[in-house]
Amino acid sequence: MGKSFILGDFENELFNNILPFWTNIAIDKKNGGFYGGITNDLLIENEIPRTAVSCARYLWTFSKAFLLTSKEIYLEIADHAYEFLQTAFWDKVHGGLFWSVDKDKKPVLDRKHHYAQAFGIYGLSEYFKAT
């Protein structure tokens, strides 16, 4: 079992299973951002708050996927994540990212955890490279 066999398996899993799954089920096209919860039977739990960490992870992941493949769908999802991160999570008065917001972009927990700020920087850095 060589290195390229393992890499091929991971690449196949990422591009044929993981990214299509999140592309097809997680995006909230009505309210923006991504659903706060999805059950094991794939039911949307739209009342669960959305977190800055999750949004930033979507931003990083789809920005990186675009950089690797040049597929426009990945950039569109990264744009969607960026838009929600800056309009819903960004504190327009004091700066920084709120920890969580509801589907209507209202802060649920307005504390500024370092963890969320770090993931925001991480996602925004990759998005900058992609755009």
N, C-alpha and C. Protein backbone atom coordinates (compact mmCIF):
# COMPACT_ATOMS: atom_id res chain seq x y z
N MET A 1 0.86 -1.18 0.00
CA MET A 1 0.00 0.00 0.00
C MET A 1 0.90 1.24 0.00
N GLY A 2 1.02 1.88 -1.13
CA GLY A 2 1.90 3.03 -1.27
C GLY A 2 1.24 4.32 -0.85
N LYS A 3 2.07 5.34 -0.80
CA LYS A 3 1.61 6.67 -0.40
C LYS A 3 0.54 7.20 -1.35
N SER A 4 0.69 6.99 -2.65
CA SER A 4 -0.28 7.52 -3.61
C SER A 4 -1.63 6.81 -3.49
N PHE A 5 -1.63 5.54 -3.09
CA PHE A 5 -2.90 4.83 -2.90
C PHE A 5 -3.69 5.47 -1.77
N ILE A 6 -3.04 5.76 -0.67
CA ILE A 6 -3.70 6.39 0.47
C ILE A 6 -4.16 7.79 0.09
N LEU A 7 -3.31 8.56 -0.56
CA LEU A 7 -3.68 9.91 -0.98
C LEU A 7 -4.88 9.87 -1.91
N GLY A 8 -4.90 8.93 -2.83
CA GLY A 8 -6.03 8.78 -3.74
C GLY A 8 -7.32 8.47 -3.01
N ASP A 9 -7.24 7.65 -1.99
CA ASP A 9 -8.42 7.34 -1.18
C ASP A 9 -8.94 8.58 -0.48
N PHE A 10 -8.05 9.34 0.12
CA PHE A 10 -8.47 10.56 0.81
C PHE A 10 -9.06 11.57 -0.16
N GLU A 11 -8.41 11.72 -1.31
CA GLU A 11 -8.90 12.65 -2.32
C GLU A 11 -10.29 12.24 -2.81
N ASN A 12 -10.47 10.96 -3.05
CA ASN A 12 -11.77 10.45 -3.47
C ASN A 12 -12.83 10.72 -2.40
N GLU A 13 -12.50 10.44 -1.15
CA GLU A 13 -13.46 10.65 -0.06
C GLU A 13 -13.84 12.12 0.06
N LEU A 14 -12.85 13.00 -0.02
CA LEU A 14 -13.10 14.43 0.11
C LEU A 14 -13.97 14.96 -1.03
N PHE A 15 -13.56 14.70 -2.26
CA PHE A 15 -14.23 15.32 -3.40
C PHE A 15 -15.49 14.59 -3.88
N ASN A 16 -15.64 13.33 -3.50
CA ASN A 16 -16.82 12.59 -3.95
C ASN A 16 -17.83 12.30 -2.86
N ASN A 17 -17.45 12.52 -1.61
CA ASN A 17 -18.38 12.25 -0.51
C ASN A 17 -18.53 13.44 0.45
N ILE A 18 -17.44 13.88 1.04
CA ILE A 18 -17.51 14.90 2.09
C ILE A 18 -17.99 16.25 1.55
N LEU A 19 -17.31 16.80 0.57
CA LEU A 19 -17.71 18.12 0.06
C LEU A 19 -19.09 18.10 -0.58
N PRO A 20 -19.44 17.11 -1.39
CA PRO A 20 -20.81 17.09 -1.93
C PRO A 20 -21.87 16.99 -0.83
N PHE A 21 -21.60 16.22 0.22
CA PHE A 21 -22.56 16.11 1.31
C PHE A 21 -22.84 17.48 1.91
N TRP A 22 -21.79 18.22 2.31
CA TRP A 22 -21.98 19.52 2.94
C TRP A 22 -22.53 20.54 1.95
N THR A 23 -22.16 20.42 0.69
CA THR A 23 -22.68 21.33 -0.34
C THR A 23 -24.18 21.16 -0.49
N ASN A 24 -24.66 19.93 -0.43
CA ASN A 24 -26.07 19.65 -0.69
C ASN A 24 -26.97 19.79 0.52
N ILE A 25 -26.43 19.69 1.73
CA ILE A 25 -27.33 19.66 2.88
C ILE A 25 -27.15 20.82 3.85
N ALA A 26 -25.99 21.41 3.96
CA ALA A 26 -25.72 22.33 5.07
C ALA A 26 -26.02 23.80 4.79
N ILE A 27 -26.13 24.19 3.54
CA ILE A 27 -26.26 25.60 3.20
C ILE A 27 -27.70 26.07 3.39
N ASP A 28 -27.85 27.11 4.21
CA ASP A 28 -29.17 27.71 4.42
C ASP A 28 -29.34 28.84 3.40
N LYS A 29 -30.01 28.54 2.33
CA LYS A 29 -30.17 29.52 1.24
C LYS A 29 -31.20 30.59 1.58
N LYS A 30 -32.09 30.31 2.53
CA LYS A 30 -33.12 31.28 2.90
C LYS A 30 -32.58 32.34 3.87
N ASN A 31 -31.92 31.90 4.93
CA ASN A 31 -31.47 32.82 5.98
C ASN A 31 -29.99 33.20 5.87
N GLY A 32 -29.26 32.47 5.06
CA GLY A 32 -27.82 32.71 4.96
C GLY A 32 -27.05 31.76 5.86
N GLY A 33 -25.79 31.67 5.62
CA GLY A 33 -24.93 30.82 6.44
C GLY A 33 -25.23 29.35 6.24
N PHE A 34 -25.05 28.62 7.33
CA PHE A 34 -25.18 27.17 7.31
C PHE A 34 -26.03 26.75 8.50
N TYR A 35 -26.82 25.72 8.33
CA TYR A 35 -27.70 25.27 9.40
C TYR A 35 -26.91 24.98 10.67
N GLY A 36 -27.53 25.28 11.81
CA GLY A 36 -26.89 25.05 13.09
C GLY A 36 -26.85 23.59 13.49
N GLY A 37 -27.78 22.80 12.98
CA GLY A 37 -27.80 21.39 13.32
C GLY A 37 -28.44 20.55 12.24
N ILE A 38 -27.92 19.34 12.10
CA ILE A 38 -28.46 18.35 11.17
C ILE A 38 -28.45 17.03 11.92
N THR A 39 -29.59 16.38 12.01
CA THR A 39 -29.67 15.12 12.74
C THR A 39 -29.04 13.98 11.95
N ASN A 40 -28.89 12.84 12.62
CA ASN A 40 -28.34 11.66 11.94
C ASN A 40 -29.22 11.19 10.79
N ASP A 41 -30.54 11.50 10.86
CA ASP A 41 -31.42 11.14 9.73
C ASP A 41 -31.60 12.32 8.77
N LEU A 42 -30.66 13.26 8.83
CA LEU A 42 -30.55 14.39 7.90
C LEU A 42 -31.71 15.38 7.98
N LEU A 43 -32.29 15.52 9.15
CA LEU A 43 -33.31 16.54 9.35
C LEU A 43 -32.62 17.83 9.80
N ILE A 44 -33.05 18.94 9.23
CA ILE A 44 -32.47 20.24 9.55
C ILE A 44 -33.03 20.73 10.88
N GLU A 45 -32.14 21.17 11.76
CA GLU A 45 -32.52 21.78 13.03
C GLU A 45 -32.13 23.25 12.96
N ASN A 46 -33.03 24.02 12.38
CA ASN A 46 -32.73 25.43 12.08
C ASN A 46 -32.77 26.34 13.29
N GLU A 47 -33.30 25.86 14.41
CA GLU A 47 -33.35 26.70 15.61
C GLU A 47 -32.07 26.59 16.44
N ILE A 48 -31.20 25.66 16.09
CA ILE A 48 -29.92 25.55 16.80
C ILE A 48 -29.03 26.70 16.33
N PRO A 49 -28.41 27.43 17.27
CA PRO A 49 -27.55 28.55 16.86
C PRO A 49 -26.41 28.11 15.95
N ARG A 50 -25.97 29.04 15.14
CA ARG A 50 -24.83 28.83 14.25
C ARG A 50 -23.62 29.41 14.95
N THR A 51 -22.46 28.79 14.82
CA THR A 51 -21.27 29.29 15.50
C THR A 51 -20.27 29.88 14.51
N ALA A 52 -19.51 30.84 15.00
CA ALA A 52 -18.47 31.46 14.18
C ALA A 52 -17.42 30.43 13.79
N VAL A 53 -17.12 29.51 14.70
CA VAL A 53 -16.12 28.48 14.40
C VAL A 53 -16.57 27.64 13.20
N SER A 54 -17.82 27.20 13.20
CA SER A 54 -18.31 26.40 12.08
C SER A 54 -18.30 27.19 10.78
N CYS A 55 -18.77 28.42 10.83
CA CYS A 55 -18.80 29.25 9.62
C CYS A 55 -17.38 29.46 9.08
N ALA A 56 -16.43 29.73 9.98
CA ALA A 56 -15.04 29.92 9.57
C ALA A 56 -14.45 28.64 9.00
N ARG A 57 -14.86 27.51 9.53
CA ARG A 57 -14.39 26.22 8.99
C ARG A 57 -14.93 25.98 7.59
N TYR A 58 -16.20 26.30 7.37
CA TYR A 58 -16.75 26.22 6.01
C TYR A 58 -15.97 27.15 5.09
N LEU A 59 -15.70 28.36 5.56
CA LEU A 59 -14.96 29.34 4.76
C LEU A 59 -13.60 28.79 4.37
N TRP A 60 -12.87 28.26 5.33
CA TRP A 60 -11.53 27.72 5.05
C TRP A 60 -11.63 26.53 4.09
N THR A 61 -12.51 25.60 4.40
CA THR A 61 -12.60 24.36 3.62
C THR A 61 -12.93 24.62 2.16
N PHE A 62 -13.95 25.44 1.92
CA PHE A 62 -14.35 25.66 0.54
C PHE A 62 -13.41 26.61 -0.20
N SER A 63 -12.74 27.49 0.51
CA SER A 63 -11.69 28.31 -0.11
C SER A 63 -10.54 27.42 -0.55
N LYS A 64 -10.13 26.51 0.32
CA LYS A 64 -9.04 25.58 0.00
C LYS A 64 -9.45 24.65 -1.14
N ALA A 65 -10.68 24.16 -1.12
CA ALA A 65 -11.15 23.28 -2.20
C ALA A 65 -11.10 24.01 -3.54
N PHE A 66 -11.48 25.30 -3.53
CA PHE A 66 -11.40 26.08 -4.76
C PHE A 66 -9.95 26.22 -5.22
N LEU A 67 -9.06 26.50 -4.29
CA LEU A 67 -7.64 26.64 -4.65
C LEU A 67 -7.07 25.35 -5.24
N LEU A 68 -7.55 24.21 -4.76
CA LEU A 68 -7.06 22.92 -5.25
C LEU A 68 -7.66 22.51 -6.59
N THR A 69 -8.89 22.95 -6.86
CA THR A 69 -9.60 22.44 -8.04
C THR A 69 -10.01 23.49 -9.06
N SER A 70 -10.09 24.74 -8.66
CA SER A 70 -10.61 25.84 -9.48
C SER A 70 -12.08 25.67 -9.84
N LYS A 71 -12.81 24.84 -9.10
CA LYS A 71 -14.24 24.65 -9.35
C LYS A 71 -15.01 25.81 -8.73
N GLU A 72 -15.76 26.50 -9.56
CA GLU A 72 -16.49 27.70 -9.13
C GLU A 72 -17.48 27.44 -8.00
N ILE A 73 -18.06 26.24 -7.95
CA ILE A 73 -19.03 25.94 -6.90
C ILE A 73 -18.39 26.11 -5.52
N TYR A 74 -17.12 25.73 -5.39
CA TYR A 74 -16.45 25.86 -4.11
C TYR A 74 -16.23 27.32 -3.75
N LEU A 75 -15.91 28.15 -4.72
CA LEU A 75 -15.75 29.57 -4.47
C LEU A 75 -17.09 30.21 -4.11
N GLU A 76 -18.16 29.78 -4.75
CA GLU A 76 -19.50 30.30 -4.42
C GLU A 76 -19.86 30.01 -2.97
N ILE A 77 -19.52 28.80 -2.50
CA ILE A 77 -19.83 28.45 -1.11
C ILE A 77 -18.92 29.23 -0.16
N ALA A 78 -17.66 29.42 -0.54
CA ALA A 78 -16.76 30.24 0.27
C ALA A 78 -17.28 31.67 0.34
N ASP A 79 -17.78 32.21 -0.77
CA ASP A 79 -18.38 33.56 -0.78
C ASP A 79 -19.57 33.61 0.18
N HIS A 80 -20.39 32.56 0.15
CA HIS A 80 -21.57 32.47 1.02
C HIS A 80 -21.14 32.49 2.49
N ALA A 81 -20.09 31.73 2.81
CA ALA A 81 -19.58 31.69 4.19
C ALA A 81 -19.01 33.04 4.59
N TYR A 82 -18.26 33.67 3.70
CA TYR A 82 -17.67 34.98 3.99
C TYR A 82 -18.76 36.01 4.26
N GLU A 83 -19.77 36.02 3.43
CA GLU A 83 -20.88 36.97 3.59
C GLU A 83 -21.53 36.81 4.96
N PHE A 84 -21.80 35.56 5.35
CA PHE A 84 -22.47 35.34 6.63
C PHE A 84 -21.53 35.67 7.80
N LEU A 85 -20.27 35.34 7.66
CA LEU A 85 -19.31 35.64 8.73
C LEU A 85 -19.25 37.14 8.99
N GLN A 86 -19.22 37.93 7.92
CA GLN A 86 -19.07 39.37 8.11
C GLN A 86 -20.38 40.07 8.46
N THR A 87 -21.51 39.54 8.04
CA THR A 87 -22.77 40.22 8.34
C THR A 87 -23.42 39.73 9.64
N ALA A 88 -23.24 38.47 9.97
CA ALA A 88 -23.91 37.91 11.15
C ALA A 88 -23.01 37.88 12.38
N PHE A 89 -21.76 37.51 12.20
CA PHE A 89 -20.89 37.29 13.35
C PHE A 89 -20.04 38.50 13.73
N TRP A 90 -19.77 39.38 12.79
CA TRP A 90 -18.87 40.50 13.06
C TRP A 90 -19.56 41.53 13.95
N ASP A 91 -18.91 41.88 15.06
CA ASP A 91 -19.41 42.90 15.97
C ASP A 91 -19.06 44.26 15.39
N LYS A 92 -20.05 44.95 14.87
CA LYS A 92 -19.82 46.23 14.18
C LYS A 92 -19.44 47.36 15.14
N VAL A 93 -19.66 47.18 16.44
CA VAL A 93 -19.32 48.21 17.42
C VAL A 93 -17.91 48.01 17.97
N HIS A 94 -17.60 46.79 18.40
CA HIS A 94 -16.33 46.53 19.08
C HIS A 94 -15.36 45.67 18.28
N GLY A 95 -15.79 45.18 17.11
CA GLY A 95 -14.93 44.30 16.33
C GLY A 95 -14.95 42.88 16.88
N GLY A 96 -14.38 41.98 16.14
CA GLY A 96 -14.32 40.58 16.56
C GLY A 96 -15.58 39.81 16.19
N LEU A 97 -15.50 38.52 16.36
CA LEU A 97 -16.60 37.62 16.00
C LEU A 97 -17.36 37.17 17.23
N PHE A 98 -18.69 37.30 17.18
CA PHE A 98 -19.53 36.74 18.23
C PHE A 98 -19.38 35.21 18.20
N TRP A 99 -19.57 34.58 19.33
CA TRP A 99 -19.47 33.12 19.41
C TRP A 99 -20.59 32.44 18.62
N SER A 100 -21.84 32.92 18.78
CA SER A 100 -22.95 32.27 18.07
C SER A 100 -24.07 33.26 17.78
N VAL A 101 -24.81 32.95 16.71
CA VAL A 101 -25.95 33.77 16.29
C VAL A 101 -27.10 32.83 15.93
N ASP A 102 -28.31 33.40 15.88
CA ASP A 102 -29.45 32.59 15.44
C ASP A 102 -29.60 32.71 13.93
N LYS A 103 -30.60 32.05 13.39
CA LYS A 103 -30.79 32.05 11.93
C LYS A 103 -31.09 33.44 11.38
N ASP A 104 -31.53 34.35 12.26
CA ASP A 104 -31.83 35.72 11.84
C ASP A 104 -30.66 36.67 12.05
N LYS A 105 -29.49 36.13 12.31
CA LYS A 105 -28.24 36.88 12.49
C LYS A 105 -28.17 37.68 13.77
N LYS A 106 -28.94 37.29 14.77
CA LYS A 106 -28.92 37.98 16.06
C LYS A 106 -28.01 37.19 17.01
N PRO A 107 -27.11 37.88 17.71
CA PRO A 107 -26.21 37.16 18.62
C PRO A 107 -26.97 36.37 19.68
N VAL A 108 -26.57 35.13 19.86
CA VAL A 108 -27.10 34.28 20.93
C VAL A 108 -26.13 34.35 22.10
N LEU A 109 -24.85 34.26 21.79
CA LEU A 109 -23.80 34.42 22.78
C LEU A 109 -22.81 35.42 22.19
N ASP A 110 -22.78 36.61 22.75
CA ASP A 110 -21.97 37.68 22.14
C ASP A 110 -20.55 37.76 22.69
N ARG A 111 -20.16 36.77 23.48
CA ARG A 111 -18.79 36.73 23.98
C ARG A 111 -17.83 36.54 22.81
N LYS A 112 -16.61 36.97 22.99
CA LYS A 112 -15.58 36.86 21.96
C LYS A 112 -14.50 35.87 22.42
N HIS A 113 -14.69 34.62 22.13
CA HIS A 113 -13.72 33.58 22.49
C HIS A 113 -12.52 33.65 21.54
N HIS A 114 -11.34 33.47 22.09
CA HIS A 114 -10.13 33.44 21.25
C HIS A 114 -10.22 32.35 20.19
N TYR A 115 -10.83 31.26 20.54
CA TYR A 115 -10.96 30.13 19.62
C TYR A 115 -11.71 30.55 18.35
N ALA A 116 -12.79 31.28 18.50
CA ALA A 116 -13.55 31.74 17.34
C ALA A 116 -12.77 32.78 16.55
N GLN A 117 -12.05 33.66 17.24
CA GLN A 117 -11.25 34.68 16.54
C GLN A 117 -10.16 33.99 15.72
N ALA A 118 -9.53 32.98 16.30
CA ALA A 118 -8.46 32.26 15.59
C ALA A 118 -9.00 31.55 14.35
N PHE A 119 -10.14 30.89 14.48
CA PHE A 119 -10.72 30.23 13.30
C PHE A 119 -11.16 31.25 12.26
N GLY A 120 -11.63 32.41 12.71
CA GLY A 120 -11.98 33.47 11.78
C GLY A 120 -10.77 33.90 10.96
N ILE A 121 -9.66 34.11 11.63
CA ILE A 121 -8.42 34.50 10.93
C ILE A 121 -7.99 33.40 9.97
N TYR A 122 -8.07 32.18 10.43
CA TYR A 122 -7.71 31.01 9.63
C TYR A 122 -8.54 30.96 8.34
N GLY A 123 -9.86 31.06 8.48
CA GLY A 123 -10.75 31.01 7.32
C GLY A 123 -10.57 32.20 6.41
N LEU A 124 -10.47 33.39 6.99
CA LEU A 124 -10.30 34.61 6.20
C LEU A 124 -8.98 34.62 5.43
N SER A 125 -7.94 34.07 6.02
CA SER A 125 -6.64 34.00 5.34
C SER A 125 -6.72 33.13 4.09
N GLU A 126 -7.38 31.99 4.21
CA GLU A 126 -7.51 31.10 3.04
C GLU A 126 -8.43 31.72 2.00
N TYR A 127 -9.48 32.38 2.44
CA TYR A 127 -10.39 33.06 1.52
C TYR A 127 -9.66 34.17 0.76
N PHE A 128 -8.80 34.89 1.44
CA PHE A 128 -8.00 35.94 0.79
C PHE A 128 -7.16 35.32 -0.33
N LYS A 129 -6.53 34.18 -0.06
CA LYS A 129 -5.74 33.52 -1.10
C LYS A 129 -6.61 33.11 -2.28
N ALA A 130 -7.82 32.66 -1.98
CA ALA A 130 -8.72 32.17 -3.04
C ALA A 130 -9.28 33.30 -3.90
N THR A 131 -9.39 34.48 -3.30
CA THR A 131 -10.01 35.58 -4.04
C THR A 131 -9.01 36.66 -4.43
